[in-house]
């Protein structure tokens, strides 16, 4: 990683998934600007406490790790309210300007995921401008008491605006109460903290590694991009941060002036409710029929075993899983990290190990989309002449993932309750990255030679019998077994809200606060 990023200018949540750095609790707070001058004063005050991407430690150029972090982002309407000039505003992406709700058809937010079912905070019709979400602030903390400390500090800054900035409520909590914030936290299991989400899968494993991030250098294998020589290289910075060259050797589209956009990025915020009861019932029904049993079937849904995240391409059956577990238990932390991510689909082009509709294969297909037919019936292999770089198609679709689960599952036989995951995805191009993955890879299967089969976990599966979803769990080409068909897949995940935000650099944040954005 030869490129040096301006770590003091980039917000910390862009480069760090805070959960991995010892921050198990978070609070997400949203605000409406009622007075532009007071709004800019609020942004100025907040900017002085924003956590940057500077390295933590005791060495040169490092700082002490904070007890709590704070980061800020803006919806498009906020930039208008704060006085960003129109000639700069028109340079933002059309998707960001439209907002997530207006993109619901592309995202597949229909049926129980459609906006009328979202938490009340997301239901502003833009006629009621005093209810529009303008500012997003995230607080992450090492302990609950530090989260409370951070929140009290934030409320104090809001009070200083004298009503110029107003905190919005409307987040559904337990028992249907409406809260002024969205809390998130790691899932506990038998009194111990885990890296799991509410379906029971170990999560947050293979976040992309890109050029210039010093604390990700050791995590490159399996998280970067595949090279023709079989090694891994970091992705281009411009896939995730504006003002830097991307995988096409171009600068991603961005507003002027350069100082407004450089070192910033777009953030997709989505609150996703998990239908745990439906998931458990469907898994139980088909797990009793599936060769290999319930846990192998659960692994087929995602492409990883639930307990420790072992990838199916490395542990495709229970015998291989037992060996993986023994090696995993004996390995050090660095080796374990590599075991979970350092794999390809080169030896699984048929999908016999990791199905084409499995979550991790749809979200990051690696080089498996450059396929041609192999020598055996039903077998596929990577084309050697279509692209100079394996995974070239996938490298333009990667997403940084942030966030934590929310709520607690109190009854695993029921879907209701307040539990799911808040996921925040960061990218330089909302349409080319997030929206493409959501529309073409999650809710459609043609790129995977899977017709209109959806991704099993996140797909917007039909909620009636008119257009039932299915998924084919492939087998090896030389296997005597028949593929297993998952019929009438129910909707396991429902959208409960979300928006597109712009995460500015520290330079841009100060420019916005001072009202000195000048596109000329």
Protein backbone atom coordinates (compact mmCIF):
# COMPACT_ATOMS: atom_id res chain seq x y z
CA UNK A 1 0.00 0.00 0.00
CA UNK A 2 2.09 2.88 -1.28
CA UNK A 3 -0.62 5.55 -1.38
CA UNK A 4 -0.78 7.76 1.68
CA UNK A 5 -4.23 8.96 2.64
CA UNK A 6 -4.87 12.20 4.50
CA UNK A 7 -6.08 10.47 7.64
CA UNK A 8 -6.73 13.72 9.51
CA UNK A 9 -9.10 14.82 6.74
CA UNK A 10 -11.17 11.62 6.47
CA UNK A 11 -13.90 10.78 8.97
CA UNK A 12 -13.09 7.74 11.09
CA UNK A 13 -16.14 5.65 10.24
CA UNK A 14 -15.12 5.68 6.57
CA UNK A 15 -11.95 3.71 7.24
CA UNK A 16 -12.90 1.87 10.43
CA UNK A 17 -15.69 -0.56 11.21
CA UNK A 18 -15.86 0.52 14.85
CA UNK A 19 -17.24 -2.79 16.09
CA UNK A 20 -13.97 -4.46 15.14
CA UNK A 21 -12.05 -1.87 17.20
CA UNK A 22 -13.86 -2.47 20.48
CA UNK A 23 -17.00 -0.32 20.23
CA UNK A 24 -19.94 -2.67 20.95
CA UNK A 25 -22.67 -0.03 21.42
CA UNK A 26 -23.89 2.78 19.17
CA UNK A 27 -26.59 5.42 18.92
CA UNK A 28 -27.76 7.04 15.68
CA UNK A 29 -29.41 10.45 15.96
CA UNK A 30 -31.11 12.56 13.28
CA UNK A 31 -31.79 16.28 13.13
CA UNK A 32 -33.79 18.87 11.24
CA UNK A 33 -32.37 22.34 10.53
CA UNK A 34 -34.81 25.18 11.26
CA UNK A 35 -32.37 28.10 10.91
CA UNK A 36 -29.47 28.10 8.46
CA UNK A 37 -27.16 30.32 10.53
CA UNK A 38 -27.73 28.32 13.71
CA UNK A 39 -27.44 25.13 11.69
CA UNK A 40 -23.98 26.14 10.50
CA UNK A 41 -22.98 27.04 14.06
CA UNK A 42 -24.11 23.58 15.19
CA UNK A 43 -22.08 21.91 12.43
CA UNK A 44 -19.07 24.00 13.45
CA UNK A 45 -19.37 22.85 17.07
CA UNK A 46 -19.83 19.22 16.05
CA UNK A 47 -16.84 19.33 13.70
CA UNK A 48 -14.55 19.95 16.67
CA UNK A 49 -15.48 16.54 18.12
CA UNK A 50 -15.66 14.49 14.93
CA UNK A 51 -13.51 11.37 15.04
CA UNK A 52 -11.05 11.24 12.16
CA UNK A 53 -9.23 8.28 10.60
CA UNK A 54 -5.94 9.02 12.37
CA UNK A 55 -4.21 5.90 13.69
CA UNK A 56 -4.71 4.98 17.33
CA UNK A 57 -1.73 4.12 19.51
CA UNK A 58 1.36 5.53 21.19
CA UNK A 59 3.57 5.86 18.12
CA UNK A 60 4.47 8.85 15.95
CA UNK A 61 1.46 10.39 14.27
CA UNK A 62 -0.92 8.34 16.43
CA UNK A 63 -3.43 9.42 19.07
CA UNK A 64 -4.98 7.73 22.08
CA UNK A 65 -8.04 5.65 21.25
CA UNK A 66 -11.15 7.60 22.36
CA UNK A 67 -13.81 6.22 24.69
CA UNK A 68 -16.47 7.30 22.19
CA UNK A 69 -16.55 8.38 18.59
CA UNK A 70 -18.70 10.87 16.71
CA UNK A 71 -19.29 11.16 12.98
CA UNK A 72 -21.64 13.26 10.88
CA UNK A 73 -23.31 13.05 7.47
CA UNK A 74 -25.84 15.11 5.52
CA UNK A 75 -28.92 14.34 3.45
CA UNK A 76 -29.24 16.38 0.26
CA UNK A 77 -31.85 18.72 1.77
CA UNK A 78 -29.43 19.56 4.58
CA UNK A 79 -26.87 20.90 2.14
CA UNK A 80 -29.56 23.16 0.67
CA UNK A 81 -30.60 24.37 4.12
CA UNK A 82 -26.98 25.06 5.08
CA UNK A 83 -26.47 27.30 2.08
CA UNK A 84 -24.29 25.18 -0.21
CA UNK A 85 -24.49 26.93 -3.62
CA UNK A 86 -26.74 25.48 -6.29
CA UNK A 87 -23.84 25.10 -8.71
CA UNK A 88 -22.25 22.75 -6.18
CA UNK A 89 -25.49 20.95 -5.31
CA UNK A 90 -26.13 19.91 -8.92
CA UNK A 91 -22.81 18.06 -8.93
CA UNK A 92 -24.00 15.49 -6.40
CA UNK A 93 -25.24 12.16 -7.73
CA UNK A 94 -28.88 11.99 -8.91
CA UNK A 95 -29.52 9.08 -6.55
CA UNK A 96 -28.37 11.10 -3.54
CA UNK A 97 -30.49 14.06 -4.64
CA UNK A 98 -33.59 11.87 -5.08
CA UNK A 99 -33.21 10.03 -1.79
CA UNK A 100 -33.77 6.39 -0.91
CA UNK A 101 -37.55 6.54 -0.73
CA UNK A 102 -37.80 7.69 -4.34
CA UNK A 103 -35.51 4.83 -5.39
CA UNK A 104 -37.66 2.14 -3.76
CA UNK A 105 -38.61 0.42 -7.02
CA UNK A 106 -34.97 -0.03 -7.97
CA UNK A 107 -34.11 -1.27 -4.49
CA UNK A 108 -37.02 -3.71 -4.30
CA UNK A 109 -38.55 -2.01 -1.27
CA UNK A 110 -42.04 -3.31 -1.92
CA UNK A 111 -44.74 -5.10 0.05
CA UNK A 112 -43.82 -5.14 3.76
CA UNK A 113 -40.62 -3.26 2.89
CA UNK A 114 -42.34 -0.33 1.20
CA UNK A 115 -41.95 3.13 2.80
CA UNK A 116 -45.45 3.23 4.33
CA UNK A 117 -44.25 0.49 6.70
CA UNK A 118 -41.04 2.25 7.69
CA UNK A 119 -40.47 3.78 11.11
CA UNK A 120 -42.31 7.12 11.43
CA UNK A 121 -39.10 9.16 11.28
CA UNK A 122 -38.66 8.18 7.63
CA UNK A 123 -42.20 9.03 6.57
CA UNK A 124 -41.86 12.78 5.93
CA UNK A 125 -43.61 13.74 2.68
CA UNK A 126 -41.30 16.73 2.14
CA UNK A 127 -44.31 19.02 2.45
CA UNK A 128 -43.73 18.99 6.19
CA UNK A 129 -40.22 20.40 5.90
CA UNK A 130 -39.78 20.58 9.67
CA UNK A 131 -39.81 16.76 9.71
CA UNK A 132 -37.25 16.21 6.97
CA UNK A 133 -34.12 14.36 8.01
CA UNK A 134 -31.18 16.66 7.40
CA UNK A 135 -28.29 15.62 9.63
CA UNK A 136 -27.18 12.16 10.73
CA UNK A 137 -24.85 11.75 13.69
CA UNK A 138 -23.48 8.41 14.84
CA UNK A 139 -22.08 7.78 18.31
CA UNK A 140 -20.08 4.61 19.01
CA UNK A 141 -18.72 3.78 22.44
CA UNK A 142 -16.56 1.27 24.28
CA UNK A 143 -19.02 1.03 27.19
CA UNK A 144 -22.67 2.03 27.73
CA UNK A 145 -21.69 4.79 30.16
CA UNK A 146 -19.46 6.37 27.52
CA UNK A 147 -22.34 6.25 25.03
CA UNK A 148 -24.52 8.12 27.53
CA UNK A 149 -21.73 10.66 28.03
CA UNK A 150 -21.48 11.22 24.27
CA UNK A 151 -25.23 11.57 23.89
CA UNK A 152 -25.49 14.10 26.72
CA UNK A 153 -22.71 16.16 25.14
CA UNK A 154 -24.57 16.10 21.82
CA UNK A 155 -27.85 17.19 23.43
CA UNK A 156 -26.01 20.08 25.02
CA UNK A 157 -24.86 21.29 21.60
CA UNK A 158 -28.42 20.99 20.27
CA UNK A 159 -29.72 23.10 23.18
CA UNK A 160 -27.22 25.84 22.31
CA UNK A 161 -28.93 26.33 18.93
CA UNK A 162 -32.10 27.62 20.64
CA UNK A 163 -34.35 25.65 18.32
CA UNK A 164 -32.26 26.26 15.22
CA UNK A 165 -31.55 22.52 15.07
CA UNK A 166 -34.16 20.05 16.33
CA UNK A 167 -33.70 16.37 17.16
CA UNK A 168 -36.22 14.15 15.36
CA UNK A 169 -37.97 11.22 16.99
CA UNK A 170 -39.84 8.39 15.29
CA UNK A 171 -37.68 5.29 15.79
CA UNK A 172 -39.73 2.26 16.81
CA UNK A 173 -38.48 0.58 19.95
CA UNK A 174 -39.64 -2.34 22.07
CA UNK A 175 -43.40 -2.67 22.57
CA UNK A 176 -44.04 -0.10 19.84
CA UNK A 177 -42.81 2.96 21.74
CA UNK A 178 -41.37 5.81 19.69
CA UNK A 179 -37.81 6.87 20.53
CA UNK A 180 -35.70 9.96 19.68
CA UNK A 181 -32.73 7.83 18.60
CA UNK A 182 -31.83 4.43 17.15
CA UNK A 183 -29.71 2.29 19.44
CA UNK A 184 -27.56 -0.58 18.18
CA UNK A 185 -25.35 -3.07 19.96
CA UNK A 186 -23.62 -6.38 19.56
CA UNK A 187 -25.62 -9.57 20.09
CA UNK A 188 -25.01 -11.36 23.39
CA UNK A 189 -25.11 -15.14 23.58
CA UNK A 190 -25.13 -16.91 26.96
CA UNK A 191 -23.97 -13.67 28.53
CA UNK A 192 -21.00 -13.34 26.18
CA UNK A 193 -20.49 -10.80 23.37
CA UNK A 194 -20.52 -12.19 19.84
CA UNK A 195 -19.95 -11.04 16.27
CA UNK A 196 -23.32 -12.47 15.24
CA UNK A 197 -26.58 -11.04 13.96
CA UNK A 198 -30.03 -12.25 14.97
CA UNK A 199 -30.29 -15.17 12.51
CA UNK A 200 -27.19 -16.56 14.22
CA UNK A 201 -24.55 -15.92 11.56
CA UNK A 202 -21.10 -14.59 12.40
CA UNK A 203 -21.04 -11.27 10.56
CA UNK A 204 -18.75 -8.49 9.36
CA UNK A 205 -15.98 -10.72 8.04
CA UNK A 206 -14.85 -9.67 4.56
CA UNK A 207 -14.95 -5.90 4.39
CA UNK A 208 -12.95 -4.59 1.38
CA UNK A 209 -9.35 -3.47 1.77
CA UNK A 210 -8.24 -0.55 -0.37
CA UNK A 211 -5.11 1.51 -0.90
CA UNK A 212 -3.82 3.74 1.84
CA UNK A 213 -5.46 2.31 5.00
CA UNK A 214 -2.53 1.51 7.34
CA UNK A 215 -4.44 -0.63 9.82
CA UNK A 216 -5.82 -2.95 7.12
CA UNK A 217 -2.54 -4.00 5.48
CA UNK A 218 -2.46 -7.40 7.22
CA UNK A 219 -6.06 -8.10 6.21
CA UNK A 220 -5.50 -8.00 2.46
CA UNK A 221 -5.89 -11.70 1.42
CA UNK A 222 -9.45 -12.30 0.28
CA UNK A 223 -10.53 -8.73 0.95
CA UNK A 224 -8.76 -6.94 -1.87
CA UNK A 225 -8.88 -7.84 -5.55
CA UNK A 226 -7.67 -11.00 -7.24
CA UNK A 227 -4.67 -10.61 -9.51
CA UNK A 228 -3.66 -12.77 -12.50
CA UNK A 229 -0.73 -14.22 -10.51
CA UNK A 230 -3.08 -15.48 -7.81
CA UNK A 231 -2.09 -12.85 -5.25
CA UNK A 232 -4.27 -10.14 -3.73
CA UNK A 233 -3.89 -6.38 -4.15
CA UNK A 234 -5.77 -3.54 -2.44
CA UNK A 235 -8.66 -2.03 -4.35
CA UNK A 236 -8.34 1.48 -5.74
CA UNK A 237 -9.17 4.16 -3.17
CA UNK A 238 -11.56 5.90 -5.58
CA UNK A 239 -14.02 3.04 -5.33
CA UNK A 240 -14.84 4.30 -1.85
CA UNK A 241 -13.54 7.84 -1.40
CA UNK A 242 -14.19 10.76 -3.74
CA UNK A 243 -11.27 12.67 -5.21
CA UNK A 244 -9.15 9.55 -5.73
CA UNK A 245 -8.59 7.33 -8.77
CA UNK A 246 -10.90 4.29 -9.00
CA UNK A 247 -10.53 0.86 -10.65
CA UNK A 248 -11.23 2.41 -14.06
CA UNK A 249 -8.26 4.76 -13.52
CA UNK A 250 -10.70 7.65 -13.39
CA UNK A 251 -11.94 10.04 -10.73
CA UNK A 252 -15.52 9.22 -9.70
CA UNK A 253 -18.08 11.94 -10.48
CA UNK A 254 -18.20 14.51 -7.70
CA UNK A 255 -19.42 18.05 -7.01
CA UNK A 256 -17.28 21.17 -7.26
CA UNK A 257 -15.18 22.57 -5.77
CA UNK A 258 -12.74 19.73 -5.27
CA UNK A 259 -12.34 20.60 -1.59
CA UNK A 260 -16.07 19.95 -1.06
CA UNK A 261 -15.93 16.40 -2.37
CA UNK A 262 -12.36 15.14 -1.92
CA UNK A 263 -11.98 12.65 0.94
CA UNK A 264 -15.75 12.44 1.30
CA UNK A 265 -18.06 9.57 0.36
CA UNK A 266 -21.70 8.53 0.08
CA UNK A 267 -23.33 6.51 2.85
CA UNK A 268 -26.37 4.27 2.49
CA UNK A 269 -28.22 3.89 5.80
CA UNK A 270 -30.74 1.03 6.05
CA UNK A 271 -32.65 -0.32 9.01
CA UNK A 272 -33.51 -3.96 8.29
CA UNK A 273 -35.93 -5.97 10.40
CA UNK A 274 -35.20 -9.70 10.61
CA UNK A 275 -38.15 -12.11 10.58
CA UNK A 276 -36.54 -14.58 12.95
CA UNK A 277 -39.65 -16.74 13.42
CA UNK A 278 -40.12 -17.20 9.67
CA UNK A 279 -36.41 -17.93 9.23
CA UNK A 280 -36.34 -20.56 11.98
CA UNK A 281 -39.52 -22.27 10.73
CA UNK A 282 -38.31 -22.42 7.12
CA UNK A 283 -34.88 -23.66 8.16
CA UNK A 284 -36.42 -26.30 10.41
CA UNK A 285 -38.80 -27.51 7.68
CA UNK A 286 -36.16 -27.89 4.98
CA UNK A 287 -33.28 -28.74 7.29
CA UNK A 288 -35.01 -32.03 8.10
CA UNK A 289 -35.04 -32.92 4.39
CA UNK A 290 -31.75 -31.49 3.18
CA UNK A 291 -28.79 -33.89 2.87
CA UNK A 292 -26.29 -32.77 5.47
CA UNK A 293 -28.88 -31.41 7.85
CA UNK A 294 -30.05 -28.09 9.22
CA UNK A 295 -26.72 -26.37 9.88
CA UNK A 296 -25.31 -27.19 6.46
CA UNK A 297 -28.51 -25.82 4.93
CA UNK A 298 -28.16 -22.65 6.98
CA UNK A 299 -24.61 -22.37 5.66
CA UNK A 300 -25.93 -22.74 2.10
CA UNK A 301 -28.22 -19.74 2.64
CA UNK A 302 -25.24 -17.45 3.30
CA UNK A 303 -22.14 -19.26 2.07
CA UNK A 304 -20.69 -19.47 5.59
CA UNK A 305 -21.32 -21.71 8.60
CA UNK A 306 -23.22 -19.91 11.29
CA UNK A 307 -21.01 -20.57 14.31
CA UNK A 308 -17.62 -19.21 13.23
CA UNK A 309 -18.11 -17.98 9.65
CA UNK A 310 -16.18 -20.79 7.98
CA UNK A 311 -16.62 -20.35 4.19
CA UNK A 312 -18.30 -23.22 2.37
CA UNK A 313 -15.64 -23.28 -0.32
CA UNK A 314 -13.15 -24.25 2.41
CA UNK A 315 -15.55 -26.41 4.45
CA UNK A 316 -18.23 -27.73 2.07
CA UNK A 317 -19.52 -30.54 4.30
CA UNK A 318 -19.53 -31.62 7.93
CA UNK A 319 -16.30 -33.62 7.65
CA UNK A 320 -14.43 -30.69 6.08
CA UNK A 321 -16.01 -28.38 8.65
CA UNK A 322 -14.68 -30.52 11.51
CA UNK A 323 -11.14 -30.23 10.10
CA UNK A 324 -11.55 -26.51 9.53
CA UNK A 325 -12.74 -26.07 13.13
CA UNK A 326 -9.73 -27.95 14.52
CA UNK A 327 -7.29 -25.85 12.49
CA UNK A 328 -9.22 -22.69 13.34
CA UNK A 329 -9.12 -23.37 17.08
CA UNK A 330 -5.35 -23.88 16.97
CA UNK A 331 -4.62 -20.79 14.86
CA UNK A 332 -3.57 -17.34 16.02
CA UNK A 333 -5.79 -14.31 15.37
CA UNK A 334 -4.04 -13.33 12.12
CA UNK A 335 -4.30 -16.84 10.71
CA UNK A 336 -7.96 -17.10 11.70
CA UNK A 337 -8.66 -13.85 9.89
CA UNK A 338 -6.98 -15.22 6.76
CA UNK A 339 -8.84 -18.55 6.96
CA UNK A 340 -12.18 -16.74 6.92
CA UNK A 341 -11.48 -14.52 3.92
CA UNK A 342 -8.65 -15.87 1.78
CA UNK A 343 -10.59 -17.93 -0.75
CA UNK A 344 -11.89 -17.76 -4.31
CA UNK A 345 -14.58 -19.55 -6.27
CA UNK A 346 -12.06 -20.84 -8.82
CA UNK A 347 -12.68 -24.44 -7.70
CA UNK A 348 -16.42 -23.96 -7.21
CA UNK A 349 -17.60 -22.60 -10.53
CA UNK A 350 -20.55 -25.03 -10.49
CA UNK A 351 -21.85 -23.66 -7.17
CA UNK A 352 -21.72 -27.14 -5.68
CA UNK A 353 -20.04 -25.82 -2.54
CA UNK A 354 -21.35 -22.24 -2.26
CA UNK A 355 -24.67 -21.82 -4.14
CA UNK A 356 -25.13 -19.03 -6.66
CA UNK A 357 -27.94 -17.58 -4.50
CA UNK A 358 -25.94 -17.57 -1.27
CA UNK A 359 -25.48 -14.18 0.37
CA UNK A 360 -21.70 -13.83 0.19
CA UNK A 361 -21.58 -15.00 -3.44
CA UNK A 362 -24.16 -12.43 -4.50
CA UNK A 363 -22.62 -9.54 -2.55
CA UNK A 364 -19.02 -10.28 -3.60
CA UNK A 365 -18.83 -12.80 -6.47
CA UNK A 366 -15.03 -12.36 -6.66
CA UNK A 367 -13.97 -13.64 -10.11
CA UNK A 368 -16.82 -16.11 -10.51
CA UNK A 369 -18.86 -13.99 -12.95
CA UNK A 370 -16.29 -14.37 -15.75
CA UNK A 371 -17.60 -17.84 -16.54
CA UNK A 372 -17.55 -20.12 -19.55
CA UNK A 373 -18.71 -23.72 -19.78
CA UNK A 374 -16.25 -26.35 -18.58
CA UNK A 375 -15.38 -29.79 -19.86
CA UNK A 376 -17.92 -31.69 -17.75
CA UNK A 377 -21.71 -31.36 -18.00
CA UNK A 378 -22.89 -28.52 -15.77
CA UNK A 379 -19.34 -27.43 -14.97
CA UNK A 380 -18.15 -23.85 -15.35
CA UNK A 381 -14.70 -22.29 -15.32
CA UNK A 382 -13.20 -18.81 -15.38
CA UNK A 383 -12.61 -17.32 -18.80
CA UNK A 384 -8.93 -16.64 -19.36
CA UNK A 385 -9.31 -14.13 -22.15
CA UNK A 386 -12.34 -11.96 -21.29
CA UNK A 387 -10.55 -9.76 -18.75
CA UNK A 388 -6.98 -8.90 -17.87
CA UNK A 389 -7.87 -8.82 -14.18
CA UNK A 390 -9.88 -11.61 -12.52
CA UNK A 391 -12.91 -10.11 -10.80
CA UNK A 392 -12.81 -6.92 -12.88
CA UNK A 393 -16.63 -6.80 -12.89
CA UNK A 394 -16.85 -7.29 -9.15
CA UNK A 395 -14.13 -4.78 -8.31
CA UNK A 396 -16.43 -1.95 -9.46
CA UNK A 397 -19.29 -3.10 -7.17
CA UNK A 398 -17.64 -3.39 -3.76
CA UNK A 399 -19.13 -1.80 -0.64
CA UNK A 400 -17.72 -0.87 2.74
CA UNK A 401 -20.08 -2.11 5.46
CA UNK A 402 -20.61 -0.48 8.84
CA UNK A 403 -23.26 -0.75 11.56
CA UNK A 404 -24.47 -3.12 14.26
CA UNK A 405 -27.52 -5.23 15.12
CA UNK A 406 -30.35 -3.57 17.03
CA UNK A 407 -32.85 -4.92 19.54
CA UNK A 408 -33.14 -8.29 21.18
CA UNK A 409 -34.95 -11.43 20.01
CA UNK A 410 -37.19 -12.46 22.88
CA UNK A 411 -39.06 -15.28 21.13
CA UNK A 412 -37.44 -17.07 18.18
CA UNK A 413 -40.80 -18.43 17.03
CA UNK A 414 -42.14 -14.94 16.24
CA UNK A 415 -41.40 -12.27 13.64
CA UNK A 416 -42.71 -9.28 15.57
CA UNK A 417 -40.57 -7.41 18.01
CA UNK A 418 -37.81 -4.88 17.64
CA UNK A 419 -34.77 -6.63 16.25
CA UNK A 420 -32.67 -6.53 13.11
CA UNK A 421 -29.59 -4.81 11.81
CA UNK A 422 -28.68 -1.24 10.99
CA UNK A 423 -26.32 -1.40 8.06
CA UNK A 424 -24.42 1.53 6.63
CA UNK A 425 -22.67 1.03 3.30
CA UNK A 426 -20.07 3.42 1.93
CA UNK A 427 -19.19 3.89 -1.72
CA UNK A 428 -18.15 6.53 -4.24
CA UNK A 429 -21.03 5.83 -6.66
CA UNK A 430 -24.46 4.91 -5.26
CA UNK A 431 -25.84 3.75 -8.59
CA UNK A 432 -22.85 1.76 -9.83
CA UNK A 433 -22.16 0.12 -6.49
CA UNK A 434 -25.00 -0.15 -3.95
CA UNK A 435 -28.00 0.12 -6.27
CA UNK A 436 -26.50 -2.24 -8.84
CA UNK A 437 -25.78 -4.88 -6.22
CA UNK A 438 -29.24 -4.50 -4.68
CA UNK A 439 -31.13 -4.61 -7.96
CA UNK A 440 -29.07 -6.91 -10.16
CA UNK A 441 -27.39 -9.28 -7.72
CA UNK A 442 -29.68 -9.42 -4.67
CA UNK A 443 -33.08 -9.29 -6.39
CA UNK A 444 -32.17 -10.80 -9.76
CA UNK A 445 -29.99 -13.76 -10.71
CA UNK A 446 -29.19 -13.50 -14.40
CA UNK A 447 -25.51 -12.63 -13.87
CA UNK A 448 -25.19 -15.88 -11.91
CA UNK A 449 -26.96 -18.00 -14.56
CA UNK A 450 -29.78 -18.25 -12.02
CA UNK A 451 -32.58 -16.58 -14.04
CA UNK A 452 -34.70 -14.51 -11.63
CA UNK A 453 -33.74 -16.43 -8.49
CA UNK A 454 -33.05 -13.93 -5.71
CA UNK A 455 -30.43 -13.91 -3.00
CA UNK A 456 -31.83 -16.14 -0.26
CA UNK A 457 -31.51 -13.92 2.83
CA UNK A 458 -31.93 -10.35 1.53
CA UNK A 459 -34.07 -10.92 -1.56
CA UNK A 460 -37.49 -9.26 -1.74
CA UNK A 461 -39.25 -12.60 -1.98
CA UNK A 462 -42.96 -12.63 -2.76
CA UNK A 463 -45.27 -12.46 0.24
CA UNK A 464 -48.04 -14.34 -1.56
CA UNK A 465 -48.25 -17.39 -3.83
CA UNK A 466 -48.60 -15.50 -7.12
CA UNK A 467 -44.88 -15.25 -7.86
CA UNK A 468 -43.18 -17.55 -5.35
CA UNK A 469 -39.42 -17.39 -5.05
CA UNK A 470 -37.16 -20.39 -5.30
CA UNK A 471 -33.45 -21.07 -5.17
CA UNK A 472 -31.43 -23.97 -6.52
CA UNK A 473 -28.75 -25.40 -4.26
CA UNK A 474 -26.34 -26.82 -6.80
CA UNK A 475 -24.28 -30.00 -6.44
CA UNK A 476 -20.87 -30.90 -7.83
CA UNK A 477 -20.98 -31.88 -11.55
CA UNK A 478 -19.77 -35.43 -10.81
CA UNK A 479 -22.15 -35.92 -7.87
CA UNK A 480 -24.85 -38.59 -7.88
CA UNK A 481 -27.11 -36.31 -5.84
CA UNK A 482 -29.79 -34.08 -7.31
CA UNK A 483 -29.82 -30.32 -6.70
CA UNK A 484 -32.04 -29.28 -3.80
CA UNK A 485 -34.78 -26.78 -4.64
CA UNK A 486 -35.80 -24.30 -1.96
CA UNK A 487 -39.47 -23.57 -2.78
CA UNK A 488 -41.64 -20.62 -1.80
CA UNK A 489 -38.88 -18.73 -0.01
CA UNK A 490 -40.50 -16.26 2.39
CA UNK A 491 -39.21 -12.76 3.00
CA UNK A 492 -36.67 -13.05 5.78
CA UNK A 493 -35.69 -9.36 5.93
CA UNK A 494 -37.88 -6.24 5.68
CA UNK A 495 -36.76 -2.64 5.28
CA UNK A 496 -37.81 -0.35 8.12
CA UNK A 497 -36.23 2.87 6.89
CA UNK A 498 -33.22 4.47 5.34
CA UNK A 499 -31.69 7.33 3.39
CA UNK A 500 -28.70 8.34 1.29
CA UNK A 501 -26.17 10.62 3.00
CA UNK A 502 -23.00 12.47 2.09
CA UNK A 503 -20.10 12.01 4.52
CA UNK A 504 -17.87 15.08 4.06
CA UNK A 505 -14.18 15.37 4.75
CA UNK A 506 -13.07 17.50 7.66
CA UNK A 507 -12.10 20.25 5.20
CA UNK A 508 -15.54 20.18 3.61
CA UNK A 509 -17.22 20.07 7.01
CA UNK A 510 -15.47 23.28 8.04
CA UNK A 511 -16.30 24.93 4.71
CA UNK A 512 -19.98 24.08 5.14
CA UNK A 513 -19.95 25.31 8.75
CA UNK A 514 -18.38 28.65 7.73
CA UNK A 515 -20.61 29.05 4.67
CA UNK A 516 -17.61 29.43 2.36
CA UNK A 517 -18.25 26.73 -0.26
CA UNK A 518 -17.31 28.42 -3.52
CA UNK A 519 -17.62 26.34 -6.72
CA UNK A 520 -15.91 29.05 -8.78
